[in-house]
Amino acid sequence: MILTVTPNPSLDRTYEVPALDRGEVIRATGERVDPGGKGVNVSRAVAAAGRRTVAVLPLGGAPGALVAELLDAQGIEVAPVPVAGATRSNIALAEADGVLTKINAPGPELTADEQELLLETVHLQSRSADWIACCGSLPRGLDPSWYAELVARAHASGVRIALDTSGPALAAALRERPDVVKPNAEELAEAVGRPLATVGDAVKAAGELREMGARAVLASLGADGQVLVDENGTWFGTARVDVVRSNVGAGDSSLSGFLIAGGHGPEALASALAHGAAAVQTPGSVMPTPGDLDPAAVTVTATVPVDRALKEPVS
């Protein structure tokens, strides 16, 4: 079972519009409502793969109740933490030419009691978990050290933990040695404080995150592939993508693939690549099923092309 933790979940409303004209009345041509948040997306991807997952998340108000209802409809077990504030509602405007404009609300501020109840709920639900995946930004009220506390408690209970966050929250959590961290290229560059221009730059930065405390680093380089660096070595992988339809949730699907495959080694990297590639070829925030995967499109090698320039360098 993969347990996910989403400290700042959302109710995501997406409207399809012909074009975004400021100051005008715009009539949507389509709309959809989805449960949102990076940890929520990991649970959705795990469930789509036919595996058991439990989602721990603070929920409040009518938006929170709808998030729980939508997750339940997708076969995801929900362990809600009641909070006084209403769960945030985000809006996305998808134009006909593929441009996506997102408006993300800040979300409720969690009290000290609500923060502790969230930690206790994770501990209770983790007793049958193979992995805990903690993902996304922290809501108002939570100190950047909150993830560090969660990692420490997970390890004290003997549970492996994967972390997908950035900035001060990532820096603080590294001291507690999370089993896997999953930055994208921008987050990796931010963590080491310098630009990334080549695959070798990314590998070096991932190694530095390990020196800071991460036991393994799964770094997504977008169209350039992914890098895995752990105590046993370094691997680089790519996956062929025929048509990109949406990159929403692709990184979260990739993390789910990595954990489903055991969470370590080149086989898990290959699974991460297959799930991520399948996700970008599905519409909207739809998560891929096993039938969408194409393992033959994935290549993983221990011979890392360190001099290969990134198609999307990070400054």
Protein backbone atom coordinates (compact mmCIF):
# COMPACT_ATOMS: atom_id res chain seq x y z
CA MET A 1 0.00 0.00 0.00
CA ILE A 2 1.20 3.50 -0.82
CA LEU A 3 0.12 6.19 1.61
CA THR A 4 0.08 9.75 0.31
CA VAL A 5 0.13 12.98 2.29
CA THR A 6 -1.12 16.21 0.74
CA PRO A 7 -0.91 19.05 3.29
CA ASN A 8 -2.55 21.60 0.95
CA PRO A 9 -5.08 19.78 -1.28
CA SER A 10 -7.46 21.53 -3.63
CA LEU A 11 -10.62 21.28 -5.65
CA ASP A 12 -9.54 22.00 -9.22
CA ARG A 13 -12.01 23.49 -11.70
CA THR A 14 -10.88 23.57 -15.32
CA TYR A 15 -12.71 25.61 -17.94
CA GLU A 16 -12.05 25.23 -21.66
CA VAL A 17 -12.25 28.59 -23.44
CA PRO A 18 -11.66 29.65 -27.06
CA ALA A 19 -9.27 32.43 -25.95
CA LEU A 20 -8.51 34.42 -22.81
CA ASP A 21 -9.61 38.01 -23.45
CA ARG A 22 -9.18 40.32 -20.46
CA GLY A 23 -12.21 42.40 -19.56
CA GLU A 24 -14.58 40.37 -21.72
CA VAL A 25 -17.33 37.86 -20.94
CA ILE A 26 -15.91 34.47 -21.91
CA ARG A 27 -18.18 31.51 -22.51
CA ALA A 28 -16.61 28.19 -21.61
CA THR A 29 -16.93 25.35 -24.09
CA GLY A 30 -16.28 22.68 -21.46
CA GLU A 31 -15.56 22.21 -17.77
CA ARG A 32 -14.46 19.56 -15.31
CA VAL A 33 -13.86 19.27 -11.58
CA ASP A 34 -11.02 17.17 -10.14
CA PRO A 35 -9.44 16.55 -6.74
CA GLY A 36 -6.08 18.32 -6.76
CA GLY A 37 -2.72 18.40 -5.05
CA LYS A 38 0.49 16.50 -5.80
CA GLY A 39 -0.06 13.77 -3.23
CA VAL A 40 -3.66 13.38 -4.39
CA ASN A 41 -2.37 12.91 -7.95
CA VAL A 42 0.06 10.22 -6.78
CA SER A 43 -2.85 8.36 -5.17
CA ARG A 44 -4.91 8.75 -8.34
CA ALA A 45 -2.05 7.30 -10.40
CA VAL A 46 -1.53 4.40 -7.98
CA ALA A 47 -5.26 3.63 -8.04
CA ALA A 48 -5.30 3.80 -11.85
CA ALA A 49 -2.54 1.17 -11.80
CA GLY A 50 -4.81 -1.10 -9.78
CA ARG A 51 -2.88 -0.80 -6.53
CA ARG A 52 -4.14 0.13 -3.07
CA THR A 53 -3.56 3.65 -1.82
CA VAL A 54 -4.72 5.74 1.12
CA ALA A 55 -4.77 9.54 0.88
CA VAL A 56 -4.26 11.57 4.06
CA LEU A 57 -5.25 15.20 3.66
CA PRO A 58 -6.79 18.06 5.64
CA LEU A 59 -10.32 18.77 4.39
CA GLY A 60 -12.76 21.50 5.29
CA GLY A 61 -16.03 22.98 4.09
CA ALA A 62 -18.03 22.07 0.99
CA PRO A 63 -14.94 21.94 -1.29
CA GLY A 64 -13.29 19.45 1.07
CA ALA A 65 -16.37 17.24 1.12
CA LEU A 66 -16.42 17.20 -2.69
CA VAL A 67 -12.71 16.31 -2.84
CA ALA A 68 -13.36 13.29 -0.60
CA GLU A 69 -16.36 12.27 -2.72
CA LEU A 70 -14.38 12.50 -5.97
CA LEU A 71 -11.48 10.47 -4.55
CA ASP A 72 -13.82 7.78 -3.24
CA ALA A 73 -15.38 7.50 -6.70
CA GLN A 74 -11.90 6.73 -8.07
CA GLY A 75 -11.35 3.88 -5.62
CA ILE A 76 -9.06 5.81 -3.31
CA GLU A 77 -9.36 5.36 0.43
CA VAL A 78 -9.48 8.75 2.13
CA ALA A 79 -8.24 9.44 5.66
CA PRO A 80 -9.51 13.01 6.15
CA VAL A 81 -8.25 15.38 8.81
CA PRO A 82 -11.09 17.81 9.60
CA VAL A 83 -10.01 21.47 9.61
CA ALA A 84 -11.96 24.65 10.30
CA GLY A 85 -10.96 26.42 7.07
CA ALA A 86 -12.39 25.50 3.69
CA THR A 87 -10.24 23.49 1.29
CA ARG A 88 -8.95 25.78 -1.45
CA SER A 89 -10.53 25.89 -4.90
CA ASN A 90 -8.19 26.40 -7.86
CA ILE A 91 -9.17 27.53 -11.35
CA ALA A 92 -7.52 26.61 -14.65
CA LEU A 93 -8.38 28.23 -17.97
CA ALA A 94 -7.44 26.03 -20.93
CA GLU A 95 -7.34 27.89 -24.24
CA ALA A 96 -7.89 26.24 -27.61
CA ASP A 97 -4.21 26.76 -28.58
CA GLY A 98 -3.04 24.73 -25.59
CA VAL A 99 -2.10 27.61 -23.28
CA LEU A 100 -3.10 26.91 -19.68
CA THR A 101 -3.61 29.72 -17.15
CA LYS A 102 -3.89 28.64 -13.51
CA ILE A 103 -5.13 30.55 -10.48
CA ASN A 104 -4.16 28.78 -7.25
CA ALA A 105 -5.77 29.86 -4.00
CA PRO A 106 -3.64 30.00 -0.82
CA GLY A 107 -5.75 27.51 1.13
CA PRO A 108 -6.72 27.47 4.82
CA GLU A 109 -4.35 28.19 7.67
CA LEU A 110 -3.93 25.13 9.89
CA THR A 111 -3.95 25.54 13.65
CA ALA A 112 -1.38 23.87 15.88
CA ASP A 113 -3.92 21.22 16.88
CA GLU A 114 -4.81 20.53 13.23
CA GLN A 115 -1.13 20.20 12.34
CA GLU A 116 -0.57 17.64 15.09
CA LEU A 117 -3.72 15.72 14.13
CA LEU A 118 -2.39 15.53 10.56
CA LEU A 119 0.87 14.00 11.82
CA GLU A 120 -0.99 11.55 14.07
CA THR A 121 -3.27 10.47 11.21
CA VAL A 122 -0.27 9.76 9.00
CA HIS A 123 1.25 7.66 11.79
CA LEU A 124 -1.97 5.69 12.28
CA GLN A 125 -2.49 5.02 8.56
CA SER A 126 1.18 4.17 7.88
CA ARG A 127 1.08 0.93 9.87
CA SER A 128 0.20 -1.03 6.72
CA ALA A 129 2.09 1.17 4.24
CA ASP A 130 5.04 0.14 2.09
CA TRP A 131 5.78 3.77 1.26
CA ILE A 132 4.67 7.21 2.37
CA ALA A 133 4.70 9.83 -0.38
CA CYS A 134 4.62 13.42 0.93
CA CYS A 135 4.00 15.88 -1.85
CA GLY A 136 3.41 19.53 -2.58
CA SER A 137 3.62 22.87 -0.87
CA LEU A 138 2.81 23.48 2.78
CA PRO A 139 -0.33 25.42 3.71
CA ARG A 140 -0.32 28.53 5.82
CA GLY A 141 0.48 27.84 9.44
CA LEU A 142 2.92 25.00 8.81
CA ASP A 143 6.58 25.75 9.44
CA PRO A 144 9.07 24.62 6.76
CA SER A 145 10.31 22.04 9.29
CA TRP A 146 6.94 20.23 9.26
CA TYR A 147 8.02 17.79 6.55
CA ALA A 148 11.22 17.14 8.49
CA GLU A 149 9.14 16.15 11.51
CA LEU A 150 7.04 13.86 9.33
CA VAL A 151 10.13 12.15 7.89
CA ALA A 152 11.57 11.66 11.38
CA ARG A 153 8.34 10.10 12.66
CA ALA A 154 8.05 7.83 9.62
CA HIS A 155 11.56 6.51 10.08
CA ALA A 156 10.93 5.99 13.79
CA SER A 157 8.03 3.74 12.74
CA GLY A 158 10.18 1.89 10.19
CA VAL A 159 8.38 3.23 7.10
CA ARG A 160 10.13 4.43 3.95
CA ILE A 161 9.27 7.93 2.81
CA ALA A 162 9.42 9.74 -0.53
CA LEU A 163 9.34 13.53 -0.61
CA ASP A 164 8.32 15.81 -3.46
CA THR A 165 8.59 19.44 -2.36
CA SER A 166 10.96 22.36 -2.78
CA GLY A 167 12.53 25.41 -1.19
CA PRO A 168 12.95 25.70 2.59
CA ALA A 169 10.69 22.67 3.22
CA LEU A 170 13.01 20.45 1.16
CA ALA A 171 16.15 21.89 2.74
CA ALA A 172 14.83 21.26 6.25
CA ALA A 173 13.64 17.72 5.46
CA LEU A 174 16.99 16.65 3.99
CA ARG A 175 18.47 16.67 7.49
CA GLU A 176 16.17 13.74 8.38
CA ARG A 177 17.41 11.67 5.40
CA PRO A 178 14.26 10.95 3.35
CA ASP A 179 14.53 7.72 1.38
CA VAL A 180 13.78 9.41 -1.95
CA VAL A 181 13.41 13.03 -3.00
CA LYS A 182 11.94 13.88 -6.38
CA PRO A 183 12.82 17.36 -7.63
CA ASN A 184 12.23 18.61 -11.14
CA ALA A 185 14.99 20.49 -12.94
CA GLU A 186 13.96 23.89 -11.56
CA GLU A 187 13.73 22.60 -8.00
CA LEU A 188 17.07 20.83 -8.35
CA ALA A 189 18.75 24.03 -9.55
CA GLU A 190 17.16 25.98 -6.71
CA ALA A 191 18.35 23.46 -4.13
CA VAL A 192 22.02 23.76 -5.19
CA GLY A 193 21.86 27.44 -6.06
CA ARG A 194 23.15 27.34 -9.62
CA PRO A 195 21.92 26.78 -13.20
CA LEU A 196 21.79 23.41 -14.93
CA ALA A 197 22.85 23.25 -18.58
CA THR A 198 23.73 19.58 -19.11
CA VAL A 199 22.76 16.13 -17.90
CA GLY A 200 26.08 16.10 -16.05
CA ASP A 201 25.09 19.27 -14.19
CA ALA A 202 21.90 17.55 -13.06
CA VAL A 203 23.76 14.43 -11.93
CA LYS A 204 26.22 16.53 -9.93
CA ALA A 205 23.39 18.48 -8.30
CA ALA A 206 21.58 15.24 -7.43
CA GLY A 207 24.76 13.97 -5.81
CA GLU A 208 24.93 17.12 -3.71
CA LEU A 209 21.38 16.53 -2.49
CA ARG A 210 22.53 13.10 -1.36
CA GLU A 211 25.40 14.76 0.51
CA MET A 212 22.80 16.99 2.18
CA GLY A 213 20.91 13.93 3.41
CA ALA A 214 18.74 12.40 0.70
CA ARG A 215 19.30 8.66 0.41
CA ALA A 216 18.23 8.68 -3.25
CA VAL A 217 17.37 11.39 -5.76
CA LEU A 218 14.94 10.87 -8.64
CA ALA A 219 15.27 14.01 -10.75
CA SER A 220 12.90 14.78 -13.59
CA LEU A 221 14.47 16.72 -16.46
CA GLY A 222 11.28 17.15 -18.47
CA ALA A 223 11.70 16.25 -22.12
CA ASP A 224 15.33 15.34 -21.41
CA GLY A 225 14.43 12.32 -19.28
CA GLN A 226 15.16 11.42 -15.67
CA VAL A 227 18.17 10.76 -13.47
CA LEU A 228 18.37 8.41 -10.49
CA VAL A 229 21.27 8.70 -8.06
CA ASP A 230 21.50 6.45 -5.00
CA GLU A 231 24.06 4.54 -2.95
CA ASN A 232 24.38 1.89 -5.66
CA GLY A 233 25.05 4.13 -8.63
CA THR A 234 23.70 6.59 -11.17
CA TRP A 235 21.28 5.88 -14.02
CA PHE A 236 19.88 8.00 -16.81
CA GLY A 237 16.69 7.23 -18.69
CA THR A 238 14.47 8.54 -21.46
CA ALA A 239 11.07 7.58 -22.83
CA ARG A 240 9.76 8.19 -26.33
CA VAL A 241 6.66 10.38 -26.43
CA ASP A 242 4.72 10.54 -29.69
CA VAL A 243 2.24 13.30 -28.88
CA VAL A 244 2.16 15.54 -25.80
CA ARG A 245 -1.45 16.18 -24.78
CA SER A 246 -1.06 17.40 -21.18
CA ASN A 247 1.75 17.50 -18.65
CA VAL A 248 -0.61 17.99 -15.70
CA GLY A 249 0.24 15.39 -13.06
CA ALA A 250 2.96 13.78 -15.17
CA GLY A 251 5.59 14.13 -12.43
CA ASP A 252 3.19 12.70 -9.86
CA SER A 253 2.41 9.75 -12.14
CA SER A 254 6.15 9.23 -12.54
CA LEU A 255 6.66 9.09 -8.77
CA SER A 256 3.82 6.59 -8.44
CA GLY A 257 5.46 4.38 -11.08
CA PHE A 258 8.75 4.55 -9.21
CA LEU A 259 7.17 3.51 -5.90
CA ILE A 260 4.96 0.82 -7.45
CA ALA A 261 8.13 -0.81 -8.82
CA GLY A 262 9.76 -0.90 -5.39
CA GLY A 263 11.28 2.57 -5.18
CA HIS A 264 14.91 1.74 -5.93
CA GLY A 265 17.22 0.80 -8.78
CA PRO A 266 17.04 1.00 -12.59
CA GLU A 267 13.85 -1.08 -12.81
CA ALA A 268 12.00 1.50 -10.72
CA LEU A 269 13.47 4.29 -12.86
CA ALA A 270 12.17 2.54 -15.98
CA SER A 271 8.72 2.29 -14.40
CA ALA A 272 8.82 5.99 -13.49
CA LEU A 273 9.67 6.90 -17.08
CA ALA A 274 6.92 4.69 -18.52
CA HIS A 275 4.28 6.18 -16.23
CA GLY A 276 5.43 9.75 -16.84
CA ALA A 277 5.47 9.29 -20.62
CA ALA A 278 2.02 7.73 -20.57
CA ALA A 279 0.67 10.58 -18.45
CA VAL A 280 1.74 13.34 -20.88
CA GLN A 281 -0.03 11.46 -23.68
CA THR A 282 -3.38 11.41 -21.85
CA PRO A 283 -5.77 14.39 -21.80
CA GLY A 284 -6.06 16.83 -18.91
CA SER A 285 -5.25 15.35 -15.53
CA VAL A 286 -6.25 11.79 -16.49
CA MET A 287 -3.87 9.25 -14.97
CA PRO A 288 -2.57 6.35 -17.11
CA THR A 289 -3.67 2.75 -16.65
CA PRO A 290 -1.40 -0.27 -17.21
CA GLY A 291 -2.75 -0.51 -20.76
CA ASP A 292 -1.41 2.98 -21.51
CA LEU A 293 2.19 2.06 -20.66
CA ASP A 294 4.79 1.33 -23.33
CA PRO A 295 7.87 -0.22 -21.67
CA ALA A 296 9.49 -0.68 -25.09
CA ALA A 297 9.67 3.12 -25.44
CA VAL A 298 11.87 3.39 -22.33
CA THR A 299 15.66 3.32 -22.28
CA VAL A 300 17.70 3.23 -19.05
CA THR A 301 21.48 3.21 -18.92
CA ALA A 302 24.29 3.44 -16.37
CA THR A 303 26.38 5.20 -19.02
CA VAL A 304 25.26 8.75 -18.35
CA PRO A 305 25.69 11.28 -21.20
CA VAL A 306 27.14 13.95 -18.92
CA ASP A 307 27.95 16.36 -21.76
CA ARG A 308 24.48 16.23 -23.32
CA ALA A 309 22.94 19.70 -23.31
CA LEU A 310 19.50 19.98 -21.79
CA LYS A 311 16.79 20.96 -24.24
CA GLU A 312 15.32 23.12 -21.48
CA PRO A 313 18.30 24.44 -19.47
CA VAL A 314 17.53 25.98 -16.08
CA SER A 315 19.06 29.36 -15.35
